Amino acid sequence: MLRSFLRAKIHLATITGADPDYEGSIAICPALLERAGIAPNEQVDVYNRDNGERLTTYAIAGEPGEICLNGAAALKCRPGQRVIIACYCLLAPDEVASHAPRVVLAGPDNRPG
C-alpha cells in the first residue's frame, strides 16, 4: 500500500499577479521551483493563508520573483496575499522513515530565503 506524504513546500510566497484570462496554472519564480525541486507541469496545491482558499493546479516557470495564479484559480487570490505551495508523493512503507520533504521559505521578492 502506498501512502501520500509532503514532498516539497514553498512557504509564504507573495502573490504578484492573478490572470483569469490565462489558460491555467501557477507561474512560480524559477529559483523557488529549483530549490523546492518542483518540475514544470507538476501538480501543486495552493493554500491561501490570507483567505483560506485552497486549490489544485500545475506549476509553470514564471519570471524571477513571480507568483501568479492563472485561469479560474486567479479568482481565489489577489496580489499581496501570502500562499503556501505544496506537492506530494506516494511512498511505500519501506520509504517512509528515510523521506524528508524539501521546505523552502520565500524571502523578500519571492526569492528563496
PDB file of N, CA and C in Angstrom:
ATOM      1  N   MET A   1       0.844  -1.177   0.000  1.00  0.00           N
ATOM      2  CA  MET A   1       0.000   0.000   0.000  1.00  0.00           C
ATOM      3  C   MET A   1       0.889   1.239   0.000  1.00  0.00           C
ATOM      4  N   LEU A   2       0.596   2.191  -0.868  1.00  0.00           N
ATOM      5  CA  LEU A   2       1.310   3.462  -0.906  1.00  0.00           C
ATOM      6  C   LEU A   2       0.554   4.494  -0.083  1.00  0.00           C
ATOM      7  N   ARG A   3       1.317   5.386   0.548  1.00  0.00           N
ATOM      8  CA  ARG A   3       0.724   6.468   1.342  1.00  0.00           C
ATOM      9  C   ARG A   3       1.238   7.798   0.811  1.00  0.00           C
ATOM     10  N   SER A   4       0.444   8.849   0.944  1.00  0.00           N
ATOM     11  CA  SER A   4       0.783  10.169   0.421  1.00  0.00           C
ATOM     12  C   SER A   4       1.484  11.017   1.484  1.00  0.00           C
ATOM     13  N   PHE A   5       2.634  11.619   1.092  1.00  0.00           N
ATOM     14  CA  PHE A   5       3.417  12.448   2.002  1.00  0.00           C
ATOM     15  C   PHE A   5       3.817  13.741   1.310  1.00  0.00           C
ATOM     16  N   LEU A   6       4.033  14.785   2.096  1.00  0.00           N
ATOM     17  CA  LEU A   6       4.544  16.040   1.567  1.00  0.00           C
ATOM     18  C   LEU A   6       5.906  15.778   0.932  1.00  0.00           C
ATOM     19  N   ARG A   7       6.086  16.237  -0.311  1.00  0.00           N
ATOM     20  CA  ARG A   7       7.366  16.101  -0.994  1.00  0.00           C
ATOM     21  C   ARG A   7       8.131  17.411  -0.999  1.00  0.00           C
ATOM     22  N   ALA A   8       7.398  18.514  -1.236  1.00  0.00           N
ATOM     23  CA  ALA A   8       8.045  19.827  -1.287  1.00  0.00           C
ATOM     24  C   ALA A   8       7.032  20.903  -0.935  1.00  0.00           C
ATOM     25  N   LYS A   9       7.552  22.004  -0.361  1.00  0.00           N
ATOM     26  CA  LYS A   9       6.673  23.109   0.005  1.00  0.00           C
ATOM     27  C   LYS A   9       7.429  24.416  -0.157  1.00  0.00           C
ATOM     28  N   ILE A  10       6.764  25.392  -0.789  1.00  0.00           N
ATOM     29  CA  ILE A  10       7.242  26.769  -0.825  1.00  0.00           C
ATOM     30  C   ILE A  10       6.353  27.513   0.158  1.00  0.00           C
ATOM     31  N   HIS A  11       6.962  28.019   1.226  1.00  0.00           N
ATOM     32  CA  HIS A  11       6.192  28.564   2.337  1.00  0.00           C
ATOM     33  C   HIS A  11       6.136  30.088   2.290  1.00  0.00           C
ATOM     34  N   LEU A  12       4.929  30.612   2.297  1.00  0.00           N
ATOM     35  CA  LEU A  12       4.623  32.038   2.392  1.00  0.00           C
ATOM     36  C   LEU A  12       5.205  32.885   1.254  1.00  0.00           C
ATOM     37  N   ALA A  13       4.957  32.438   0.039  1.00  0.00           N
ATOM     38  CA  ALA A  13       5.263  33.258  -1.125  1.00  0.00           C
ATOM     39  C   ALA A  13       4.171  34.315  -1.254  1.00  0.00           C
ATOM     40  N   THR A  14       4.493  35.421  -1.894  1.00  0.00           N
ATOM     41  CA  THR A  14       3.545  36.520  -2.062  1.00  0.00           C
ATOM     42  C   THR A  14       3.018  36.545  -3.488  1.00  0.00           C
ATOM     43  N   ILE A  15       1.698  36.552  -3.626  1.00  0.00           N
ATOM     44  CA  ILE A  15       1.075  36.633  -4.947  1.00  0.00           C
ATOM     45  C   ILE A  15       1.440  37.967  -5.585  1.00  0.00           C
ATOM     46  N   THR A  16       1.980  37.897  -6.814  1.00  0.00           N
ATOM     47  CA  THR A  16       2.349  39.114  -7.542  1.00  0.00           C
ATOM     48  C   THR A  16       1.374  39.425  -8.669  1.00  0.00           C
ATOM     49  N   GLY A  17       0.552  38.444  -9.036  1.00  0.00           N
ATOM     50  CA  GLY A  17      -0.400  38.673 -10.108  1.00  0.00           C
ATOM     51  C   GLY A  17      -1.469  37.602 -10.139  1.00  0.00           C
ATOM     52  N   ALA A  18      -2.559  37.917 -10.824  1.00  0.00           N
ATOM     53  CA  ALA A  18      -3.673  36.985 -10.999  1.00  0.00           C
ATOM     54  C   ALA A  18      -4.274  37.278 -12.373  1.00  0.00           C
ATOM     55  N   ASP A  19      -4.245  36.284 -13.262  1.00  0.00           N
ATOM     56  CA  ASP A  19      -4.675  36.490 -14.643  1.00  0.00           C
ATOM     57  C   ASP A  19      -5.770  35.479 -15.007  1.00  0.00           C
ATOM     58  N   PRO A  20      -7.044  35.841 -14.840  1.00  0.00           N
ATOM     59  CA  PRO A  20      -8.119  34.894 -15.134  1.00  0.00           C
ATOM     60  C   PRO A  20      -8.231  34.553 -16.618  1.00  0.00           C
ATOM     61  N   ASP A  21      -7.644  35.345 -17.491  1.00  0.00           N
ATOM     62  CA  ASP A  21      -7.731  35.080 -18.923  1.00  0.00           C
ATOM     63  C   ASP A  21      -6.672  34.114 -19.434  1.00  0.00           C
ATOM     64  N   TYR A  22      -5.686  33.799 -18.617  1.00  0.00           N
ATOM     65  CA  TYR A  22      -4.654  32.828 -18.998  1.00  0.00           C
ATOM     66  C   TYR A  22      -5.248  31.431 -18.889  1.00  0.00           C
ATOM     67  N   GLU A  23      -4.740  30.495 -19.637  1.00  0.00           N
ATOM     68  CA  GLU A  23      -5.315  29.146 -19.724  1.00  0.00           C
ATOM     69  C   GLU A  23      -5.389  28.412 -18.383  1.00  0.00           C
ATOM     70  N   GLY A  24      -4.456  28.606 -17.507  1.00  0.00           N
ATOM     71  CA  GLY A  24      -4.459  27.913 -16.219  1.00  0.00           C
ATOM     72  C   GLY A  24      -3.062  27.854 -15.648  1.00  0.00           C
ATOM     73  N   SER A  25      -2.896  27.333 -14.462  1.00  0.00           N
ATOM     74  CA  SER A  25      -1.612  27.088 -13.816  1.00  0.00           C
ATOM     75  C   SER A  25      -1.261  28.140 -12.779  1.00  0.00           C
ATOM     76  N   ILE A  26      -0.093  27.966 -12.183  1.00  0.00           N
ATOM     77  CA  ILE A  26       0.510  28.974 -11.320  1.00  0.00           C
ATOM     78  C   ILE A  26       1.942  29.178 -11.807  1.00  0.00           C
ATOM     79  N   ALA A  27       2.278  30.415 -12.143  1.00  0.00           N
ATOM     80  CA  ALA A  27       3.637  30.774 -12.547  1.00  0.00           C
ATOM     81  C   ALA A  27       4.441  31.033 -11.286  1.00  0.00           C
ATOM     82  N   ILE A  28       5.573  30.338 -11.163  1.00  0.00           N
ATOM     83  CA  ILE A  28       6.385  30.401  -9.950  1.00  0.00           C
ATOM     84  C   ILE A  28       7.811  30.805 -10.317  1.00  0.00           C
ATOM     85  N   CYS A  29       8.383  31.687  -9.522  1.00  0.00           N
ATOM     86  CA  CYS A  29       9.775  32.108  -9.679  1.00  0.00           C
ATOM     87  C   CYS A  29      10.664  30.879  -9.914  1.00  0.00           C
ATOM     88  N   PRO A  30      11.467  30.869 -10.986  1.00  0.00           N
ATOM     89  CA  PRO A  30      12.313  29.708 -11.278  1.00  0.00           C
ATOM     90  C   PRO A  30      13.247  29.304 -10.138  1.00  0.00           C
ATOM     91  N   ALA A  31      13.763  30.262  -9.393  1.00  0.00           N
ATOM     92  CA  ALA A  31      14.657  29.925  -8.280  1.00  0.00           C
ATOM     93  C   ALA A  31      13.917  29.160  -7.187  1.00  0.00           C
ATOM     94  N   LEU A  32      12.651  29.528  -6.936  1.00  0.00           N
ATOM     95  CA  LEU A  32      11.855  28.786  -5.948  1.00  0.00           C
ATOM     96  C   LEU A  32      11.548  27.381  -6.445  1.00  0.00           C
ATOM     97  N   LEU A  33      11.186  27.263  -7.727  1.00  0.00           N
ATOM     98  CA  LEU A  33      10.918  25.932  -8.291  1.00  0.00           C
ATOM     99  C   LEU A  33      12.136  25.028  -8.144  1.00  0.00           C
ATOM    100  N   GLU A  34      13.289  25.552  -8.508  1.00  0.00           N
ATOM    101  CA  GLU A  34      14.514  24.752  -8.459  1.00  0.00           C
ATOM    102  C   GLU A  34      14.849  24.340  -7.032  1.00  0.00           C
ATOM    103  N   ARG A  35      14.798  25.286  -6.112  1.00  0.00           N
ATOM    104  CA  ARG A  35      15.146  24.981  -4.725  1.00  0.00           C
ATOM    105  C   ARG A  35      14.193  23.951  -4.125  1.00  0.00           C
ATOM    106  N   ALA A  36      12.911  24.042  -4.482  1.00  0.00           N
ATOM    107  CA  ALA A  36      11.921  23.098  -3.946  1.00  0.00           C
ATOM    108  C   ALA A  36      11.920  21.770  -4.697  1.00  0.00           C
ATOM    109  N   GLY A  37      12.518  21.751  -5.893  1.00  0.00           N
ATOM    110  CA  GLY A  37      12.512  20.531  -6.695  1.00  0.00           C
ATOM    111  C   GLY A  37      11.166  20.268  -7.346  1.00  0.00           C
ATOM    112  N   ILE A  38      10.411  21.319  -7.624  1.00  0.00           N
ATOM    113  CA  ILE A  38       9.118  21.193  -8.299  1.00  0.00           C
ATOM    114  C   ILE A  38       9.350  21.382  -9.793  1.00  0.00           C
ATOM    115  N   ALA A  39       8.872  20.455 -10.589  1.00  0.00           N
ATOM    116  CA  ALA A  39       9.088  20.480 -12.035  1.00  0.00           C
ATOM    117  C   ALA A  39       7.955  21.212 -12.745  1.00  0.00           C
ATOM    118  N   PRO A  40       8.252  21.851 -13.873  1.00  0.00           N
ATOM    119  CA  PRO A  40       7.172  22.434 -14.679  1.00  0.00           C
ATOM    120  C   PRO A  40       6.129  21.367 -15.012  1.00  0.00           C
ATOM    121  N   ASN A  41       4.884  21.743 -14.927  1.00  0.00           N
ATOM    122  CA  ASN A  41       3.714  20.890 -15.175  1.00  0.00           C
ATOM    123  C   ASN A  41       3.408  19.913 -14.039  1.00  0.00           C
ATOM    124  N   GLU A  42       4.168  19.977 -12.944  1.00  0.00           N
ATOM    125  CA  GLU A  42       3.877  19.114 -11.802  1.00  0.00           C
ATOM    126  C   GLU A  42       2.666  19.651 -11.042  1.00  0.00           C
ATOM    127  N   GLN A  43       1.829  18.749 -10.577  1.00  0.00           N
ATOM    128  CA  GLN A  43       0.646  19.140  -9.802  1.00  0.00           C
ATOM    129  C   GLN A  43       1.078  19.744  -8.477  1.00  0.00           C
ATOM    130  N   VAL A  44       0.435  20.855  -8.119  1.00  0.00           N
ATOM    131  CA  VAL A  44       0.680  21.501  -6.836  1.00  0.00           C
ATOM    132  C   VAL A  44      -0.650  21.902  -6.207  1.00  0.00           C
ATOM    133  N   ASP A  45      -0.657  21.956  -4.896  1.00  0.00           N
ATOM    134  CA  ASP A  45      -1.774  22.515  -4.157  1.00  0.00           C
ATOM    135  C   ASP A  45      -1.346  23.894  -3.680  1.00  0.00           C
ATOM    136  N   VAL A  46      -2.275  24.839  -3.711  1.00  0.00           N
ATOM    137  CA  VAL A  46      -2.006  26.204  -3.285  1.00  0.00           C
ATOM    138  C   VAL A  46      -2.962  26.529  -2.147  1.00  0.00           C
ATOM    139  N   TYR A  47      -2.396  26.959  -1.023  1.00  0.00           N
ATOM    140  CA  TYR A  47      -3.176  27.298   0.157  1.00  0.00           C
ATOM    141  C   TYR A  47      -3.005  28.787   0.411  1.00  0.00           C
ATOM    142  N   ASN A  48      -4.096  29.549   0.318  1.00  0.00           N
ATOM    143  CA  ASN A  48      -4.045  30.988   0.537  1.00  0.00           C
ATOM    144  C   ASN A  48      -4.143  31.246   2.034  1.00  0.00           C
ATOM    145  N   ARG A  49      -3.059  31.699   2.615  1.00  0.00           N
ATOM    146  CA  ARG A  49      -3.022  31.924   4.054  1.00  0.00           C
ATOM    147  C   ARG A  49      -3.919  33.072   4.491  1.00  0.00           C
ATOM    148  N   ASP A  50      -4.190  33.995   3.584  1.00  0.00           N
ATOM    149  CA  ASP A  50      -4.951  35.182   3.956  1.00  0.00           C
ATOM    150  C   ASP A  50      -6.459  35.019   3.872  1.00  0.00           C
ATOM    151  N   ASN A  51      -6.955  34.119   3.001  1.00  0.00           N
ATOM    152  CA  ASN A  51      -8.414  33.970   2.903  1.00  0.00           C
ATOM    153  C   ASN A  51      -8.890  32.521   3.033  1.00  0.00           C
ATOM    154  N   GLY A  52      -7.967  31.578   3.212  1.00  0.00           N
ATOM    155  CA  GLY A  52      -8.348  30.185   3.430  1.00  0.00           C
ATOM    156  C   GLY A  52      -8.657  29.388   2.168  1.00  0.00           C
ATOM    157  N   GLU A  53      -8.635  30.013   1.000  1.00  0.00           N
ATOM    158  CA  GLU A  53      -8.904  29.294  -0.245  1.00  0.00           C
ATOM    159  C   GLU A  53      -7.828  28.242  -0.492  1.00  0.00           C
ATOM    160  N   ARG A  54      -8.255  27.111  -1.066  1.00  0.00           N
ATOM    161  CA  ARG A  54      -7.338  26.025  -1.402  1.00  0.00           C
ATOM    162  C   ARG A  54      -7.673  25.569  -2.811  1.00  0.00           C
ATOM    163  N   LEU A  55      -6.642  25.234  -3.590  1.00  0.00           N
ATOM    164  CA  LEU A  55      -6.890  24.783  -4.955  1.00  0.00           C
ATOM    165  C   LEU A  55      -5.754  23.903  -5.421  1.00  0.00           C
ATOM    166  N   THR A  56      -6.028  23.145  -6.472  1.00  0.00           N
ATOM    167  CA  THR A  56      -5.034  22.301  -7.111  1.00  0.00           C
ATOM    168  C   THR A  56      -4.855  22.781  -8.538  1.00  0.00           C
ATOM    169  N   THR A  57      -3.608  22.894  -8.960  1.00  0.00           N
ATOM    170  CA  THR A  57      -3.284  23.307 -10.327  1.00  0.00           C
ATOM    171  C   THR A  57      -1.946  22.685 -10.688  1.00  0.00           C
ATOM    172  N   TYR A  58      -1.258  23.260 -11.674  1.00  0.00           N
ATOM    173  CA  TYR A  58       0.074  22.771 -12.034  1.00  0.00           C
ATOM    174  C   TYR A  58       1.023  23.953 -12.133  1.00  0.00           C
ATOM    175  N   ALA A  59       2.302  23.666 -11.897  1.00  0.00           N
ATOM    176  CA  ALA A  59       3.325  24.704 -11.861  1.00  0.00           C
ATOM    177  C   ALA A  59       3.894  24.967 -13.249  1.00  0.00           C
ATOM    178  N   ILE A  60       4.175  26.239 -13.528  1.00  0.00           N
ATOM    179  CA  ILE A  60       4.969  26.616 -14.691  1.00  0.00           C
ATOM    180  C   ILE A  60       6.027  27.607 -14.208  1.00  0.00           C
ATOM    181  N   ALA A  61       7.124  27.681 -14.938  1.00  0.00           N
ATOM    182  CA  ALA A  61       8.173  28.634 -14.582  1.00  0.00           C
ATOM    183  C   ALA A  61       7.719  30.039 -14.952  1.00  0.00           C
ATOM    184  N   GLY A  62       7.790  30.935 -13.991  1.00  0.00           N
ATOM    185  CA  GLY A  62       7.454  32.328 -14.228  1.00  0.00           C
ATOM    186  C   GLY A  62       8.709  33.156 -14.373  1.00  0.00           C
ATOM    187  N   GLU A  63       8.550  34.426 -14.172  1.00  0.00           N
ATOM    188  CA  GLU A  63       9.684  35.357 -14.180  1.00  0.00           C
ATOM    189  C   GLU A  63      10.308  35.374 -12.783  1.00  0.00           C
ATOM    190  N   PRO A  64      11.552  35.834 -12.647  1.00  0.00           N
ATOM    191  CA  PRO A  64      12.139  35.932 -11.309  1.00  0.00           C
ATOM    192  C   PRO A  64      11.243  36.746 -10.371  1.00  0.00           C
ATOM    193  N   GLY A  65      10.975  36.187  -9.205  1.00  0.00           N
ATOM    194  CA  GLY A  65      10.145  36.849  -8.203  1.00  0.00           C
ATOM    195  C   GLY A  65       8.649  36.709  -8.409  1.00  0.00           C
ATOM    196  N   GLU A  66       8.232  36.074  -9.489  1.00  0.00           N
ATOM    197  CA  GLU A  66       6.800  35.993  -9.819  1.00  0.00           C
ATOM    198  C   GLU A  66       6.107  34.829  -9.121  1.00  0.00           C
ATOM    199  N   ILE A  67       4.907  35.089  -8.628  1.00  0.00           N
ATOM    200  CA  ILE A  67       3.953  34.071  -8.179  1.00  0.00           C
ATOM    201  C   ILE A  67       2.605  34.554  -8.718  1.00  0.00           C
ATOM    202  N   CYS A  68       2.139  33.961  -9.813  1.00  0.00           N
ATOM    203  CA  CYS A  68       0.923  34.435 -10.482  1.00  0.00           C
ATOM    204  C   CYS A  68      -0.030  33.276 -10.721  1.00  0.00           C
ATOM    205  N   LEU A  69      -1.209  33.349 -10.116  1.00  0.00           N
ATOM    206  CA  LEU A  69      -2.245  32.354 -10.371  1.00  0.00           C
ATOM    207  C   LEU A  69      -2.972  32.716 -11.650  1.00  0.00           C
ATOM    208  N   ASN A  70      -3.246  31.702 -12.463  1.00  0.00           N
ATOM    209  CA  ASN A  70      -3.840  31.901 -13.779  1.00  0.00           C
ATOM    210  C   ASN A  70      -5.148  31.130 -13.921  1.00  0.00           C
ATOM    211  N   GLY A  71      -5.958  31.542 -14.893  1.00  0.00           N
ATOM    212  CA  GLY A  71      -7.220  30.875 -15.157  1.00  0.00           C
ATOM    213  C   GLY A  71      -8.192  31.066 -14.009  1.00  0.00           C
ATOM    214  N   ALA A  72      -9.064  30.097 -13.820  1.00  0.00           N
ATOM    215  CA  ALA A  72     -10.081  30.200 -12.776  1.00  0.00           C
ATOM    216  C   ALA A  72      -9.475  30.378 -11.385  1.00  0.00           C
ATOM    217  N   ALA A  73      -8.286  29.819 -11.169  1.00  0.00           N
ATOM    218  CA  ALA A  73      -7.629  29.943  -9.866  1.00  0.00           C
ATOM    219  C   ALA A  73      -7.330  31.393  -9.515  1.00  0.00           C
ATOM    220  N   ALA A  74      -7.195  32.246 -10.520  1.00  0.00           N
ATOM    221  CA  ALA A  74      -6.899  33.656 -10.279  1.00  0.00           C
ATOM    222  C   ALA A  74      -8.000  34.342  -9.487  1.00  0.00           C
ATOM    223  N   LEU A  75      -9.193  33.772  -9.505  1.00  0.00           N
ATOM    224  CA  LEU A  75     -10.307  34.360  -8.773  1.00  0.00           C
ATOM    225  C   LEU A  75     -10.245  34.069  -7.273  1.00  0.00           C
ATOM    226  N   LYS A  76      -9.312  33.214  -6.860  1.00  0.00           N
ATOM    227  CA  LYS A  76      -9.203  32.825  -5.458  1.00  0.00           C
ATOM    228  C   LYS A  76      -8.112  33.582  -4.707  1.00  0.00           C
ATOM    229  N   CYS A  77      -7.520  34.590  -5.368  1.00  0.00           N
ATOM    230  CA  CYS A  77      -6.460  35.345  -4.711  1.00  0.00           C
ATOM    231  C   CYS A  77      -6.367  36.745  -5.293  1.00  0.00           C
ATOM    232  N   ARG A  78      -5.524  37.549  -4.666  1.00  0.00           N
ATOM    233  CA  ARG A  78      -5.214  38.868  -5.227  1.00  0.00           C
ATOM    234  C   ARG A  78      -3.766  39.191  -4.867  1.00  0.00           C
ATOM    235  N   PRO A  79      -3.129  40.038  -5.661  1.00  0.00           N
ATOM    236  CA  PRO A  79      -1.740  40.392  -5.373  1.00  0.00           C
ATOM    237  C   PRO A  79      -1.565  40.883  -3.938  1.00  0.00           C
ATOM    238  N   GLY A  80      -0.461  40.465  -3.349  1.00  0.00           N
ATOM    239  CA  GLY A  80      -0.142  40.830  -1.975  1.00  0.00           C
ATOM    240  C   GLY A  80      -0.493  39.757  -0.968  1.00  0.00           C
ATOM    241  N   GLN A  81      -1.389  38.829  -1.331  1.00  0.00           N
ATOM    242  CA  GLN A  81      -1.734  37.759  -0.402  1.00  0.00           C
ATOM    243  C   GLN A  81      -0.600  36.736  -0.341  1.00  0.00           C
ATOM    244  N   ARG A  82      -0.509  36.034   0.791  1.00  0.00           N
ATOM    245  CA  ARG A  82       0.545  35.049   1.004  1.00  0.00           C
ATOM    246  C   ARG A  82      -0.027  33.663   0.797  1.00  0.00           C
ATOM    247  N   VAL A  83       0.768  32.793   0.143  1.00  0.00           N
ATOM    248  CA  VAL A  83       0.331  31.434  -0.148  1.00  0.00           C
ATOM    249  C   VAL A  83       1.405  30.423   0.232  1.00  0.00           C
ATOM    250  N   ILE A  84       0.953  29.204   0.402  1.00  0.00           N
ATOM    251  CA  ILE A  84       1.812  28.041   0.582  1.00  0.00           C
ATOM    252  C   ILE A  84       1.559  27.153  -0.635  1.00  0.00           C
ATOM    253  N   ILE A  85       2.628  26.726  -1.286  1.00  0.00           N
ATOM    254  CA  ILE A  85       2.532  25.885  -2.477  1.00  0.00           C
ATOM    255  C   ILE A  85       3.146  24.537  -2.106  1.00  0.00           C
ATOM    256  N   ALA A  86       2.387  23.465  -2.247  1.00  0.00           N
ATOM    257  CA  ALA A  86       2.854  22.153  -1.804  1.00  0.00           C
ATOM    258  C   ALA A  86       2.620  21.097  -2.873  1.00  0.00           C
ATOM    259  N   CYS A  87       3.499  20.100  -2.894  1.00  0.00           N
ATOM    260  CA  CYS A  87       3.260  18.926  -3.727  1.00  0.00           C
ATOM    261  C   CYS A  87       3.560  17.689  -2.889  1.00  0.00           C
ATOM    262  N   TYR A  88       3.004  16.590  -3.307  1.00  0.00           N
ATOM    263  CA  TYR A  88       3.028  15.367  -2.516  1.00  0.00           C
ATOM    264  C   TYR A  88       3.575  14.210  -3.349  1.00  0.00           C
ATOM    265  N   CYS A  89       3.963  13.144  -2.675  1.00  0.00           N
ATOM    266  CA  CYS A  89       4.450  11.944  -3.354  1.00  0.00           C
ATOM    267  C   CYS A  89       3.848  10.724  -2.669  1.00  0.00           C
ATOM    268  N   LEU A  90       3.870   9.628  -3.385  1.00  0.00           N
ATOM    269  CA  LEU A  90       3.406   8.362  -2.830  1.00  0.00           C
ATOM    270  C   LEU A  90       4.616   7.536  -2.428  1.00  0.00           C
ATOM    271  N   LEU A  91       4.598   7.034  -1.200  1.00  0.00           N
ATOM    272  CA  LEU A  91       5.716   6.259  -0.679  1.00  0.00           C
ATOM    273  C   LEU A  91       5.262   4.878  -0.240  1.00  0.00           C
ATOM    274  N   ALA A  92       6.124   3.921  -0.476  1.00  0.00           N
ATOM    275  CA  ALA A  92       5.914   2.577   0.043  1.00  0.00           C
ATOM    276  C   ALA A  92       6.314   2.578   1.516  1.00  0.00           C
ATOM    277  N   PRO A  93       5.805   1.641   2.299  1.00  0.00           N
ATOM    278  CA  PRO A  93       6.123   1.621   3.734  1.00  0.00           C
ATOM    279  C   PRO A  93       7.619   1.661   4.037  1.00  0.00           C
ATOM    280  N   ASP A  94       8.442   1.013   3.230  1.00  0.00           N
ATOM    281  CA  ASP A  94       9.876   0.996   3.498  1.00  0.00           C
ATOM    282  C   ASP A  94      10.577   2.305   3.129  1.00  0.00           C
ATOM    283  N   GLU A  95       9.896   3.248   2.493  1.00  0.00           N
ATOM    284  CA  GLU A  95      10.483   4.536   2.127  1.00  0.00           C
ATOM    285  C   GLU A  95      10.162   5.644   3.133  1.00  0.00           C
ATOM    286  N   VAL A  96       9.171   5.415   3.983  1.00  0.00           N
ATOM    287  CA  VAL A  96       8.662   6.464   4.863  1.00  0.00           C
ATOM    288  C   VAL A  96       9.730   6.975   5.834  1.00  0.00           C
ATOM    289  N   ALA A  97      10.451   6.099   6.484  1.00  0.00           N
ATOM    290  CA  ALA A  97      11.401   6.509   7.523  1.00  0.00           C
ATOM    291  C   ALA A  97      12.527   7.387   6.979  1.00  0.00           C
ATOM    292  N   SER A  98      12.923   7.172   5.739  1.00  0.00           N
ATOM    293  CA  SER A  98      14.042   7.943   5.186  1.00  0.00           C
ATOM    294  C   SER A  98      13.590   9.175   4.396  1.00  0.00           C
ATOM    295  N   HIS A  99      12.303   9.386   4.282  1.00  0.00           N
ATOM    296  CA  HIS A  99      11.798  10.509   3.490  1.00  0.00           C
ATOM    297  C   HIS A  99      11.869  11.815   4.265  1.00  0.00           C
ATOM    298  N   ALA A 100      12.336  12.860   3.593  1.00  0.00           N
ATOM    299  CA  ALA A 100      12.343  14.207   4.176  1.00  0.00           C
ATOM    300  C   ALA A 100      11.903  15.187   3.094  1.00  0.00           C
ATOM    301  N   PRO A 101      10.835  15.929   3.328  1.00  0.00           N
ATOM    302  CA  PRO A 101      10.380  16.884   2.311  1.00  0.00           C
ATOM    303  C   PRO A 101      11.323  18.084   2.208  1.00  0.00           C
ATOM    304  N   ARG A 102      11.332  18.709   1.037  1.00  0.00           N
ATOM    305  CA  ARG A 102      12.057  19.963   0.847  1.00  0.00           C
ATOM    306  C   ARG A 102      11.121  21.100   1.231  1.00  0.00           C
ATOM    307  N   VAL A 103      11.578  21.965   2.114  1.00  0.00           N
ATOM    308  CA  VAL A 103      10.793  23.121   2.527  1.00  0.00           C
ATOM    309  C   VAL A 103      11.610  24.371   2.218  1.00  0.00           C
ATOM    310  N   VAL A 104      11.024  25.250   1.414  1.00  0.00           N
ATOM    311  CA  VAL A 104      11.693  26.485   1.005  1.00  0.00           C
ATOM    312  C   VAL A 104      10.885  27.652   1.546  1.00  0.00           C
ATOM    313  N   LEU A 105      11.538  28.516   2.289  1.00  0.00           N
ATOM    314  CA  LEU A 105      10.889  29.727   2.777  1.00  0.00           C
ATOM    315  C   LEU A 105      11.080  30.809   1.740  1.00  0.00           C
ATOM    316  N   ALA A 106       9.988  31.407   1.303  1.00  0.00           N
ATOM    317  CA  ALA A 106      10.060  32.500   0.329  1.00  0.00           C
ATOM    318  C   ALA A 106      10.461  33.771   1.069  1.00  0.00           C
ATOM    319  N   GLY A 107      11.530  34.375   0.624  1.00  0.00           N
ATOM    320  CA  GLY A 107      12.003  35.602   1.230  1.00  0.00           C
ATOM    321  C   GLY A 107      11.447  36.822   0.499  1.00  0.00           C
ATOM    322  N   PRO A 108      12.062  37.962   0.733  1.00  0.00           N
ATOM    323  CA  PRO A 108      11.629  39.181   0.034  1.00  0.00           C
ATOM    324  C   PRO A 108      11.672  38.996  -1.475  1.00  0.00           C
ATOM    325  N   ASP A 109      10.711  39.556  -2.150  1.00  0.00           N
ATOM    326  CA  ASP A 109      10.616  39.458  -3.609  1.00  0.00           C
ATOM    327  C   ASP A 109      10.500  38.024  -4.106  1.00  0.00           C
ATOM    328  N   ASN A 110       9.981  37.118  -3.262  1.00  0.00           N
ATOM    329  CA  ASN A 110       9.771  35.721  -3.626  1.00  0.00           C
ATOM    330  C   ASN A 110      11.051  35.022  -4.057  1.00  0.00           C
ATOM    331  N   ARG A 111      12.153  35.358  -3.442  1.00  0.00           N
ATOM    332  CA  ARG A 111      13.420  34.653  -3.668  1.00  0.00           C
ATOM    333  C   ARG A 111      13.580  33.639  -2.551  1.00  0.00           C
ATOM    334  N   PRO A 112      14.272  32.534  -2.814  1.00  0.00           N
ATOM    335  CA  PRO A 112      14.486  31.565  -1.730  1.00  0.00           C
ATOM    336  C   PRO A 112      15.142  32.230  -0.539  1.00  0.00           C
ATOM    337  N   GLY A 113      14.562  32.010   0.635  1.00  0.00           N
ATOM    338  CA  GLY A 113      15.080  32.623   1.858  1.00  0.00           C
ATOM    339  C   GLY A 113      16.158  31.800   2.514  1.00  0.00           C
TER     340      GLY A 113
END
